[in-house]
């Protein structure tokens, strides 16, 4: 890719699914620079994952243009790593951690893995902290360990862009923290687009944020997020003293602190907190979690 060009460029993009002319996303314009970690947030059904499908070339815009690494999404696919929200595999299948990551080097039928492929697999397993478990069956790993293995598979070929769809949704808070710290290291070599509900973590670990709810409400630094209540269609604040948690004000007025995904109104805002103890600590990018 030509130096200085954005890794991702979406200009006036409208996306729909086959057989449905109703736009899932309308007039989306955003850019992602080299070594930028962008978080895409929004309520359930807002089109966050649809952005990733557009960047992967799985959906073609009905209007606007998408460029990835200076090419069309399909032409750029070899330079893109992708970790879906759920990596489907049979836990009873006898495949080791090493072999799962090695499959990320797959080139096609009847093409053998090379010594270089195996060296890259060793290197990336060390990077994600899973080398010591390289011979363990994947089905015996914890959720957080398995997610690191699937992340290793996504980056084993050294992509310039990494796409992640809610990668911390099924792992415990301690593993979430270490996972975000790993992403902060990975972004030194690649751009990352992270779809997440985890509002508590983005103020510490990411560079920029895109707030999406069918259209783009905001794209910029994390300090500029002032309209989350409008985005989620319910009042939202972030509290980060000790453990980030959510406060949903009742639509009638008084505040209700909730640990679940719904406020007293029963409206599902799709907002989650990592439980990561930011407690006003600075993250790897020098930012502080907001303490309301």
C-alpha atoms as a PDB file:
ATOM      1  CA  UNK A   1       0.000   0.000   0.000  1.00  0.00           C
ATOM      2  CA  UNK A   2       1.194   3.507  -0.827  1.00  0.00           C
ATOM      3  CA  UNK A   3       2.612   5.240   2.238  1.00  0.00           C
ATOM      4  CA  UNK A   4       0.386   7.967   3.664  1.00  0.00           C
ATOM      5  CA  UNK A   5      -2.844   6.604   2.207  1.00  0.00           C
ATOM      6  CA  UNK A   6      -5.547   5.527   4.662  1.00  0.00           C
ATOM      7  CA  UNK A   7      -5.764   1.804   5.339  1.00  0.00           C
ATOM      8  CA  UNK A   8      -9.574   2.049   5.148  1.00  0.00           C
ATOM      9  CA  UNK A   9     -11.579   4.604   3.215  1.00  0.00           C
ATOM     10  CA  UNK A  10     -15.388   4.586   3.125  1.00  0.00           C
ATOM     11  CA  UNK A  11     -17.026   7.428   1.200  1.00  0.00           C
ATOM     12  CA  UNK A  12     -20.817   7.868   1.359  1.00  0.00           C
ATOM     13  CA  UNK A  13     -21.365   4.118   1.726  1.00  0.00           C
ATOM     14  CA  UNK A  14     -24.873   2.647   1.910  1.00  0.00           C
ATOM     15  CA  UNK A  15     -25.155  -1.106   2.500  1.00  0.00           C
ATOM     16  CA  UNK A  16     -28.091  -3.508   2.338  1.00  0.00           C
ATOM     17  CA  UNK A  17     -28.472  -7.268   2.525  1.00  0.00           C
ATOM     18  CA  UNK A  18     -29.500  -9.346  -0.490  1.00  0.00           C
ATOM     19  CA  UNK A  19     -33.219  -9.263  -1.167  1.00  0.00           C
ATOM     20  CA  UNK A  20     -33.806  -6.289   1.131  1.00  0.00           C
ATOM     21  CA  UNK A  21     -33.615  -2.752  -0.209  1.00  0.00           C
ATOM     22  CA  UNK A  22     -33.900  -1.231   3.266  1.00  0.00           C
ATOM     23  CA  UNK A  23     -30.452   0.216   4.117  1.00  0.00           C
ATOM     24  CA  UNK A  24     -28.691  -1.261   7.108  1.00  0.00           C
ATOM     25  CA  UNK A  25     -26.120   1.534   6.890  1.00  0.00           C
ATOM     26  CA  UNK A  26     -26.577   4.886   5.167  1.00  0.00           C
ATOM     27  CA  UNK A  27     -24.026   7.440   3.937  1.00  0.00           C
ATOM     28  CA  UNK A  28     -21.109   6.163   6.029  1.00  0.00           C
ATOM     29  CA  UNK A  29     -17.877   8.107   5.543  1.00  0.00           C
ATOM     30  CA  UNK A  30     -14.811   7.277   7.621  1.00  0.00           C
ATOM     31  CA  UNK A  31     -11.093   6.654   7.262  1.00  0.00           C
ATOM     32  CA  UNK A  32      -8.644   4.563   9.267  1.00  0.00           C
ATOM     33  CA  UNK A  33      -4.942   5.451   9.233  1.00  0.00           C
ATOM     34  CA  UNK A  34      -1.921   3.165   9.528  1.00  0.00           C
ATOM     35  CA  UNK A  35      -1.425   1.816  13.063  1.00  0.00           C
ATOM     36  CA  UNK A  36      -4.725   3.273  14.262  1.00  0.00           C
ATOM     37  CA  UNK A  37      -7.007   1.372  16.634  1.00  0.00           C
ATOM     38  CA  UNK A  38     -10.604   2.331  15.828  1.00  0.00           C
ATOM     39  CA  UNK A  39     -13.517   1.132  17.970  1.00  0.00           C
ATOM     40  CA  UNK A  40     -16.930   0.901  16.307  1.00  0.00           C
ATOM     41  CA  UNK A  41     -19.725   1.166  18.873  1.00  0.00           C
ATOM     42  CA  UNK A  42     -23.496   1.311  18.711  1.00  0.00           C
ATOM     43  CA  UNK A  43     -26.647  -0.426  19.950  1.00  0.00           C
ATOM     44  CA  UNK A  44     -27.694  -3.914  18.900  1.00  0.00           C
ATOM     45  CA  UNK A  45     -28.726  -4.026  15.241  1.00  0.00           C
ATOM     46  CA  UNK A  46     -27.063  -0.693  14.456  1.00  0.00           C
ATOM     47  CA  UNK A  47     -24.908  -2.018  11.609  1.00  0.00           C
ATOM     48  CA  UNK A  48     -21.538  -2.451  13.347  1.00  0.00           C
ATOM     49  CA  UNK A  49     -20.851  -5.931  11.970  1.00  0.00           C
ATOM     50  CA  UNK A  50     -22.185  -4.810   8.597  1.00  0.00           C
ATOM     51  CA  UNK A  51     -19.267  -2.361   8.371  1.00  0.00           C
ATOM     52  CA  UNK A  52     -16.857  -5.283   8.716  1.00  0.00           C
ATOM     53  CA  UNK A  53     -18.717  -7.240   6.033  1.00  0.00           C
ATOM     54  CA  UNK A  54     -18.342  -4.282   3.704  1.00  0.00           C
ATOM     55  CA  UNK A  55     -14.600  -4.073   4.428  1.00  0.00           C
ATOM     56  CA  UNK A  56     -14.257  -7.817   3.779  1.00  0.00           C
ATOM     57  CA  UNK A  57     -16.055  -7.549   0.440  1.00  0.00           C
ATOM     58  CA  UNK A  58     -18.920  -9.754   1.621  1.00  0.00           C
ATOM     59  CA  UNK A  59     -21.379  -6.923   0.935  1.00  0.00           C
ATOM     60  CA  UNK A  60     -21.184  -4.547  -2.010  1.00  0.00           C
ATOM     61  CA  UNK A  61     -22.415  -0.978  -1.412  1.00  0.00           C
ATOM     62  CA  UNK A  62     -25.438   0.187  -3.370  1.00  0.00           C
ATOM     63  CA  UNK A  63     -23.904   3.659  -3.266  1.00  0.00           C
ATOM     64  CA  UNK A  64     -20.546   5.102  -2.281  1.00  0.00           C
ATOM     65  CA  UNK A  65     -17.091   3.522  -2.409  1.00  0.00           C
ATOM     66  CA  UNK A  66     -14.969   1.320  -0.141  1.00  0.00           C
ATOM     67  CA  UNK A  67     -11.202   1.052  -0.390  1.00  0.00           C
ATOM     68  CA  UNK A  68      -9.044  -1.232   1.751  1.00  0.00           C
ATOM     69  CA  UNK A  69      -5.258  -0.913   1.493  1.00  0.00           C
ATOM     70  CA  UNK A  70      -5.808   1.240  -1.581  1.00  0.00           C
ATOM     71  CA  UNK A  71      -7.733  -1.511  -3.395  1.00  0.00           C
ATOM     72  CA  UNK A  72     -11.217  -2.940  -3.572  1.00  0.00           C
ATOM     73  CA  UNK A  73     -12.051  -5.092  -0.525  1.00  0.00           C
ATOM     74  CA  UNK A  74     -11.850  -8.347  -2.509  1.00  0.00           C
ATOM     75  CA  UNK A  75      -8.470  -7.429  -3.996  1.00  0.00           C
ATOM     76  CA  UNK A  76      -7.140  -6.506  -0.554  1.00  0.00           C
ATOM     77  CA  UNK A  77      -8.298  -9.648   1.276  1.00  0.00           C
ATOM     78  CA  UNK A  78      -4.805 -11.177   1.536  1.00  0.00           C
ATOM     79  CA  UNK A  79      -3.677  -8.194   3.580  1.00  0.00           C
ATOM     80  CA  UNK A  80      -6.597  -8.380   6.026  1.00  0.00           C
ATOM     81  CA  UNK A  81      -6.939 -10.492   9.165  1.00  0.00           C
ATOM     82  CA  UNK A  82     -10.415 -11.201  10.550  1.00  0.00           C
ATOM     83  CA  UNK A  83     -11.641 -12.556  13.873  1.00  0.00           C
ATOM     84  CA  UNK A  84     -15.427 -13.115  13.895  1.00  0.00           C
ATOM     85  CA  UNK A  85     -17.588 -12.775  16.975  1.00  0.00           C
ATOM     86  CA  UNK A  86     -17.849 -16.552  17.283  1.00  0.00           C
ATOM     87  CA  UNK A  87     -15.199 -18.890  15.886  1.00  0.00           C
ATOM     88  CA  UNK A  88     -17.095 -22.089  15.203  1.00  0.00           C
ATOM     89  CA  UNK A  89     -15.238 -25.297  15.883  1.00  0.00           C
ATOM     90  CA  UNK A  90     -15.949 -28.713  17.336  1.00  0.00           C
ATOM     91  CA  UNK A  91     -14.302 -28.812  20.792  1.00  0.00           C
ATOM     92  CA  UNK A  92     -14.098 -32.591  20.505  1.00  0.00           C
ATOM     93  CA  UNK A  93     -12.030 -32.402  17.322  1.00  0.00           C
ATOM     94  CA  UNK A  94      -8.429 -33.421  18.175  1.00  0.00           C
ATOM     95  CA  UNK A  95      -6.563 -30.403  16.807  1.00  0.00           C
ATOM     96  CA  UNK A  96      -3.764 -28.664  18.687  1.00  0.00           C
ATOM     97  CA  UNK A  97      -3.210 -24.966  19.303  1.00  0.00           C
ATOM     98  CA  UNK A  98      -0.230 -25.026  16.915  1.00  0.00           C
ATOM     99  CA  UNK A  99      -2.178 -26.614  14.080  1.00  0.00           C
ATOM    100  CA  UNK A 100      -5.107 -24.199  14.447  1.00  0.00           C
ATOM    101  CA  UNK A 101      -2.783 -21.210  14.044  1.00  0.00           C
ATOM    102  CA  UNK A 102      -0.956 -22.915  11.170  1.00  0.00           C
ATOM    103  CA  UNK A 103      -4.233 -23.088   9.226  1.00  0.00           C
ATOM    104  CA  UNK A 104      -4.031 -19.303   8.966  1.00  0.00           C
ATOM    105  CA  UNK A 105      -1.263 -19.913   6.382  1.00  0.00           C
ATOM    106  CA  UNK A 106      -3.548 -22.055   4.194  1.00  0.00           C
ATOM    107  CA  UNK A 107      -2.989 -21.454   0.470  1.00  0.00           C
ATOM    108  CA  UNK A 108      -5.333 -23.972  -1.111  1.00  0.00           C
ATOM    109  CA  UNK A 109      -5.838 -27.674  -1.736  1.00  0.00           C
ATOM    110  CA  UNK A 110      -2.747 -29.859  -2.144  1.00  0.00           C
ATOM    111  CA  UNK A 111      -0.373 -27.047  -1.116  1.00  0.00           C
ATOM    112  CA  UNK A 112       1.837 -28.052   1.779  1.00  0.00           C
ATOM    113  CA  UNK A 113       2.744 -25.827   4.684  1.00  0.00           C
ATOM    114  CA  UNK A 114       6.312 -24.572   4.436  1.00  0.00           C
ATOM    115  CA  UNK A 115       9.058 -24.238   7.037  1.00  0.00           C
ATOM    116  CA  UNK A 116       8.429 -20.478   6.901  1.00  0.00           C
ATOM    117  CA  UNK A 117       4.747 -21.074   7.757  1.00  0.00           C
ATOM    118  CA  UNK A 118       5.773 -23.075  10.813  1.00  0.00           C
ATOM    119  CA  UNK A 119       8.288 -20.434  11.883  1.00  0.00           C
ATOM    120  CA  UNK A 120       5.621 -17.731  11.589  1.00  0.00           C
ATOM    121  CA  UNK A 121       3.262 -19.876  13.676  1.00  0.00           C
ATOM    122  CA  UNK A 122       5.845 -20.209  16.455  1.00  0.00           C
ATOM    123  CA  UNK A 123       6.529 -16.462  16.348  1.00  0.00           C
ATOM    124  CA  UNK A 124       2.877 -15.429  16.576  1.00  0.00           C
ATOM    125  CA  UNK A 125       2.136 -17.944  19.354  1.00  0.00           C
ATOM    126  CA  UNK A 126       4.919 -16.357  21.387  1.00  0.00           C
ATOM    127  CA  UNK A 127       3.502 -12.905  20.658  1.00  0.00           C
ATOM    128  CA  UNK A 128       0.016 -13.780  21.961  1.00  0.00           C
ATOM    129  CA  UNK A 129       1.384 -15.701  24.944  1.00  0.00           C
ATOM    130  CA  UNK A 130       0.192 -19.154  23.861  1.00  0.00           C
ATOM    131  CA  UNK A 131       3.438 -20.844  22.832  1.00  0.00           C
ATOM    132  CA  UNK A 132       3.662 -22.908  26.036  1.00  0.00           C
ATOM    133  CA  UNK A 133       0.258 -24.424  25.219  1.00  0.00           C
ATOM    134  CA  UNK A 134       1.062 -25.119  21.547  1.00  0.00           C
ATOM    135  CA  UNK A 135       0.524 -28.890  21.885  1.00  0.00           C
ATOM    136  CA  UNK A 136      -2.721 -28.655  23.866  1.00  0.00           C
ATOM    137  CA  UNK A 137      -6.030 -29.475  22.205  1.00  0.00           C
ATOM    138  CA  UNK A 138      -8.022 -26.324  21.507  1.00  0.00           C
ATOM    139  CA  UNK A 139     -11.152 -27.862  23.026  1.00  0.00           C
ATOM    140  CA  UNK A 140      -9.432 -27.915  26.427  1.00  0.00           C
ATOM    141  CA  UNK A 141      -8.667 -24.182  26.513  1.00  0.00           C
ATOM    142  CA  UNK A 142     -10.535 -21.507  28.437  1.00  0.00           C
ATOM    143  CA  UNK A 143     -12.556 -18.958  26.481  1.00  0.00           C
ATOM    144  CA  UNK A 144      -9.848 -16.316  26.788  1.00  0.00           C
ATOM    145  CA  UNK A 145      -7.082 -18.718  25.764  1.00  0.00           C
ATOM    146  CA  UNK A 146      -9.058 -19.922  22.746  1.00  0.00           C
ATOM    147  CA  UNK A 147      -9.679 -16.325  21.666  1.00  0.00           C
ATOM    148  CA  UNK A 148      -5.930 -15.643  21.735  1.00  0.00           C
ATOM    149  CA  UNK A 149      -5.378 -18.703  19.549  1.00  0.00           C
ATOM    150  CA  UNK A 150      -7.949 -17.543  17.000  1.00  0.00           C
ATOM    151  CA  UNK A 151      -6.417 -14.062  17.082  1.00  0.00           C
ATOM    152  CA  UNK A 152      -3.017 -15.638  16.372  1.00  0.00           C
ATOM    153  CA  UNK A 153      -4.509 -17.440  13.377  1.00  0.00           C
ATOM    154  CA  UNK A 154      -5.886 -14.115  12.092  1.00  0.00           C
ATOM    155  CA  UNK A 155      -2.486 -12.371  12.250  1.00  0.00           C
ATOM    156  CA  UNK A 156      -0.074 -15.194  11.395  1.00  0.00           C
ATOM    157  CA  UNK A 157       0.400 -13.912   7.815  1.00  0.00           C
ATOM    158  CA  UNK A 158       1.179 -10.382   9.019  1.00  0.00           C
ATOM    159  CA  UNK A 159      -1.893  -8.427   7.826  1.00  0.00           C
ATOM    160  CA  UNK A 160      -1.856  -4.643   7.447  1.00  0.00           C
ATOM    161  CA  UNK A 161      -5.443  -4.479   8.723  1.00  0.00           C
ATOM    162  CA  UNK A 162      -7.063  -6.514  11.505  1.00  0.00           C
ATOM    163  CA  UNK A 163     -10.865  -6.659  11.833  1.00  0.00           C
ATOM    164  CA  UNK A 164     -12.325  -7.839  15.162  1.00  0.00           C
ATOM    165  CA  UNK A 165     -16.015  -8.446  15.869  1.00  0.00           C
ATOM    166  CA  UNK A 166     -16.680  -8.241  19.627  1.00  0.00           C
ATOM    167  CA  UNK A 167     -13.608 -10.336  20.508  1.00  0.00           C
ATOM    168  CA  UNK A 168     -14.026 -10.000  24.304  1.00  0.00           C
ATOM    169  CA  UNK A 169     -17.738 -10.832  24.476  1.00  0.00           C
ATOM    170  CA  UNK A 170     -17.274 -14.326  25.940  1.00  0.00           C
ATOM    171  CA  UNK A 171     -14.165 -13.966  28.110  1.00  0.00           C
ATOM    172  CA  UNK A 172     -13.770 -12.984  31.757  1.00  0.00           C
ATOM    173  CA  UNK A 173     -12.740  -9.461  32.874  1.00  0.00           C
ATOM    174  CA  UNK A 174      -9.123 -10.338  33.715  1.00  0.00           C
ATOM    175  CA  UNK A 175      -8.587 -11.906  30.290  1.00  0.00           C
ATOM    176  CA  UNK A 176     -10.328  -8.941  28.659  1.00  0.00           C
ATOM    177  CA  UNK A 177      -7.783  -6.556  30.127  1.00  0.00           C
ATOM    178  CA  UNK A 178      -4.818  -8.592  28.879  1.00  0.00           C
ATOM    179  CA  UNK A 179      -6.512  -8.990  25.488  1.00  0.00           C
ATOM    180  CA  UNK A 180      -6.837  -5.207  25.080  1.00  0.00           C
ATOM    181  CA  UNK A 181      -3.210  -4.783  26.134  1.00  0.00           C
ATOM    182  CA  UNK A 182      -2.261  -7.281  23.427  1.00  0.00           C
ATOM    183  CA  UNK A 183      -4.187  -5.248  20.841  1.00  0.00           C
ATOM    184  CA  UNK A 184      -2.295  -2.136  21.922  1.00  0.00           C
ATOM    185  CA  UNK A 185       0.933  -3.979  21.079  1.00  0.00           C
ATOM    186  CA  UNK A 186      -0.376  -5.324  17.770  1.00  0.00           C
ATOM    187  CA  UNK A 187      -1.393  -1.877  16.530  1.00  0.00           C
ATOM    188  CA  UNK A 188       2.280  -0.924  16.367  1.00  0.00           C
ATOM    189  CA  UNK A 189       2.420  -3.051  13.207  1.00  0.00           C
ATOM    190  CA  UNK A 190      -1.110  -2.865  11.799  1.00  0.00           C
ATOM    191  CA  UNK A 191      -4.354  -0.893  11.789  1.00  0.00           C
ATOM    192  CA  UNK A 192      -7.187  -2.404  13.835  1.00  0.00           C
ATOM    193  CA  UNK A 193     -10.954  -1.973  13.526  1.00  0.00           C
ATOM    194  CA  UNK A 194     -12.666  -3.269  16.666  1.00  0.00           C
ATOM    195  CA  UNK A 195     -16.435  -3.724  16.884  1.00  0.00           C
ATOM    196  CA  UNK A 196     -17.414  -3.634  20.547  1.00  0.00           C
ATOM    197  CA  UNK A 197     -20.119  -2.895  23.126  1.00  0.00           C
ATOM    198  CA  UNK A 198     -17.420  -2.380  25.744  1.00  0.00           C
ATOM    199  CA  UNK A 199     -17.702   1.350  26.439  1.00  0.00           C
ATOM    200  CA  UNK A 200     -15.604   1.093  29.606  1.00  0.00           C
ATOM    201  CA  UNK A 201     -12.508  -0.054  27.724  1.00  0.00           C
ATOM    202  CA  UNK A 202     -12.502   2.227  24.698  1.00  0.00           C
ATOM    203  CA  UNK A 203     -11.620   5.356  26.654  1.00  0.00           C
ATOM    204  CA  UNK A 204      -8.385   3.670  27.741  1.00  0.00           C
ATOM    205  CA  UNK A 205      -7.195   1.474  24.887  1.00  0.00           C
ATOM    206  CA  UNK A 206      -8.356   2.869  21.530  1.00  0.00           C
ATOM    207  CA  UNK A 207      -7.260   5.878  19.478  1.00  0.00           C
ATOM    208  CA  UNK A 208     -10.520   6.812  17.792  1.00  0.00           C
ATOM    209  CA  UNK A 209     -14.143   5.782  17.940  1.00  0.00           C
ATOM    210  CA  UNK A 210     -16.960   5.592  15.404  1.00  0.00           C
ATOM    211  CA  UNK A 211     -20.482   5.754  16.881  1.00  0.00           C
ATOM    212  CA  UNK A 212     -22.893   4.015  14.521  1.00  0.00           C
ATOM    213  CA  UNK A 213     -26.657   3.642  14.544  1.00  0.00           C
ATOM    214  CA  UNK A 214     -27.606   3.067  10.910  1.00  0.00           C
ATOM    215  CA  UNK A 215     -25.637   6.206  10.072  1.00  0.00           C
ATOM    216  CA  UNK A 216     -22.397   7.628  11.500  1.00  0.00           C
ATOM    217  CA  UNK A 217     -23.135   9.838  14.530  1.00  0.00           C
ATOM    218  CA  UNK A 218     -19.542  10.555  15.472  1.00  0.00           C
ATOM    219  CA  UNK A 219     -16.020   9.696  14.293  1.00  0.00           C
ATOM    220  CA  UNK A 220     -13.044  11.061  16.206  1.00  0.00           C
ATOM    221  CA  UNK A 221     -11.156  10.868  19.489  1.00  0.00           C
ATOM    222  CA  UNK A 222     -12.655   9.152  22.521  1.00  0.00           C
ATOM    223  CA  UNK A 223     -12.758  12.476  24.373  1.00  0.00           C
ATOM    224  CA  UNK A 224     -15.395  13.724  21.958  1.00  0.00           C
ATOM    225  CA  UNK A 225     -18.100  11.177  22.797  1.00  0.00           C
ATOM    226  CA  UNK A 226     -20.787  13.386  24.270  1.00  0.00           C
ATOM    227  CA  UNK A 227     -23.955  12.042  22.663  1.00  0.00           C
ATOM    228  CA  UNK A 228     -24.121   8.390  23.727  1.00  0.00           C
ATOM    229  CA  UNK A 229     -27.643   8.881  25.066  1.00  0.00           C
ATOM    230  CA  UNK A 230     -28.768   9.963  21.590  1.00  0.00           C
ATOM    231  CA  UNK A 231     -26.872   7.110  19.938  1.00  0.00           C
ATOM    232  CA  UNK A 232     -28.308   4.422  22.223  1.00  0.00           C
ATOM    233  CA  UNK A 233     -31.713   6.065  22.480  1.00  0.00           C
ATOM    234  CA  UNK A 234     -31.489   6.028  26.273  1.00  0.00           C
ATOM    235  CA  UNK A 235     -29.488   8.130  28.782  1.00  0.00           C
ATOM    236  CA  UNK A 236     -26.011   6.648  29.356  1.00  0.00           C
ATOM    237  CA  UNK A 237     -23.079   7.649  31.527  1.00  0.00           C
ATOM    238  CA  UNK A 238     -19.803   5.854  32.174  1.00  0.00           C
ATOM    239  CA  UNK A 239     -18.559   5.425  35.721  1.00  0.00           C
ATOM    240  CA  UNK A 240     -14.969   4.209  36.154  1.00  0.00           C
ATOM    241  CA  UNK A 241     -14.059   4.383  39.820  1.00  0.00           C
ATOM    242  CA  UNK A 242     -12.649   0.916  40.450  1.00  0.00           C
ATOM    243  CA  UNK A 243     -14.829  -1.047  38.001  1.00  0.00           C
ATOM    244  CA  UNK A 244     -16.539   0.625  35.023  1.00  0.00           C
ATOM    245  CA  UNK A 245     -20.299   0.200  35.100  1.00  0.00           C
ATOM    246  CA  UNK A 246     -23.329   1.680  33.456  1.00  0.00           C
ATOM    247  CA  UNK A 247     -25.878   4.160  34.629  1.00  0.00           C
ATOM    248  CA  UNK A 248     -29.140   4.349  32.730  1.00  0.00           C
ATOM    249  CA  UNK A 249     -31.357   7.212  33.778  1.00  0.00           C
ATOM    250  CA  UNK A 250     -35.016   6.358  33.750  1.00  0.00           C
ATOM    251  CA  UNK A 251     -36.664   8.008  30.795  1.00  0.00           C
ATOM    252  CA  UNK A 252     -38.860   9.697  33.342  1.00  0.00           C
ATOM    253  CA  UNK A 253     -35.915  11.237  35.209  1.00  0.00           C
ATOM    254  CA  UNK A 254     -34.151   9.486  38.137  1.00  0.00           C
ATOM    255  CA  UNK A 255     -31.048   7.379  37.590  1.00  0.00           C
ATOM    256  CA  UNK A 256     -31.018   3.596  37.814  1.00  0.00           C
ATOM    257  CA  UNK A 257     -27.719   1.746  38.164  1.00  0.00           C
ATOM    258  CA  UNK A 258     -27.844  -1.541  36.308  1.00  0.00           C
ATOM    259  CA  UNK A 259     -25.488  -4.506  36.054  1.00  0.00           C
ATOM    260  CA  UNK A 260     -27.543  -6.159  33.336  1.00  0.00           C
ATOM    261  CA  UNK A 261     -28.071  -5.064  29.734  1.00  0.00           C
ATOM    262  CA  UNK A 262     -31.419  -3.338  30.398  1.00  0.00           C
ATOM    263  CA  UNK A 263     -32.448  -0.313  32.385  1.00  0.00           C
ATOM    264  CA  UNK A 264     -35.699  -0.110  34.327  1.00  0.00           C
ATOM    265  CA  UNK A 265     -37.511   0.808  31.176  1.00  0.00           C
ATOM    266  CA  UNK A 266     -36.655  -2.596  29.695  1.00  0.00           C
ATOM    267  CA  UNK A 267     -35.038  -0.919  26.674  1.00  0.00           C
ATOM    268  CA  UNK A 268     -32.064  -2.982  25.453  1.00  0.00           C
ATOM    269  CA  UNK A 269     -29.280  -0.494  24.814  1.00  0.00           C
ATOM    270  CA  UNK A 270     -26.743  -3.182  23.973  1.00  0.00           C
ATOM    271  CA  UNK A 271     -24.173  -1.544  26.232  1.00  0.00           C
ATOM    272  CA  UNK A 272     -21.634  -3.568  28.167  1.00  0.00           C
ATOM    273  CA  UNK A 273     -18.801  -2.891  30.538  1.00  0.00           C
ATOM    274  CA  UNK A 274     -15.652  -4.978  30.624  1.00  0.00           C
ATOM    275  CA  UNK A 275     -15.332  -4.912  34.391  1.00  0.00           C
ATOM    276  CA  UNK A 276     -11.694  -4.076  33.750  1.00  0.00           C
ATOM    277  CA  UNK A 277     -10.261  -2.158  36.669  1.00  0.00           C
ATOM    278  CA  UNK A 278      -9.285   1.056  34.927  1.00  0.00           C
ATOM    279  CA  UNK A 279      -9.922   3.050  38.101  1.00  0.00           C
ATOM    280  CA  UNK A 280      -8.597   6.228  36.551  1.00  0.00           C
ATOM    281  CA  UNK A 281      -5.430   4.483  35.385  1.00  0.00           C
ATOM    282  CA  UNK A 282      -3.862   5.526  32.134  1.00  0.00           C
ATOM    283  CA  UNK A 283      -3.858   3.053  29.286  1.00  0.00           C
ATOM    284  CA  UNK A 284      -1.109   2.303  26.780  1.00  0.00           C
ATOM    285  CA  UNK A 285      -2.024   5.410  24.767  1.00  0.00           C
ATOM    286  CA  UNK A 286      -1.817   7.678  27.822  1.00  0.00           C
ATOM    287  CA  UNK A 287      -5.586   8.190  28.055  1.00  0.00           C
ATOM    288  CA  UNK A 288      -7.628   7.939  31.221  1.00  0.00           C
ATOM    289  CA  UNK A 289     -10.938   6.266  31.707  1.00  0.00           C
ATOM    290  CA  UNK A 290     -13.710   8.744  32.316  1.00  0.00           C
ATOM    291  CA  UNK A 291     -14.694   8.985  35.963  1.00  0.00           C
ATOM    292  CA  UNK A 292     -18.191  10.423  36.306  1.00  0.00           C
END
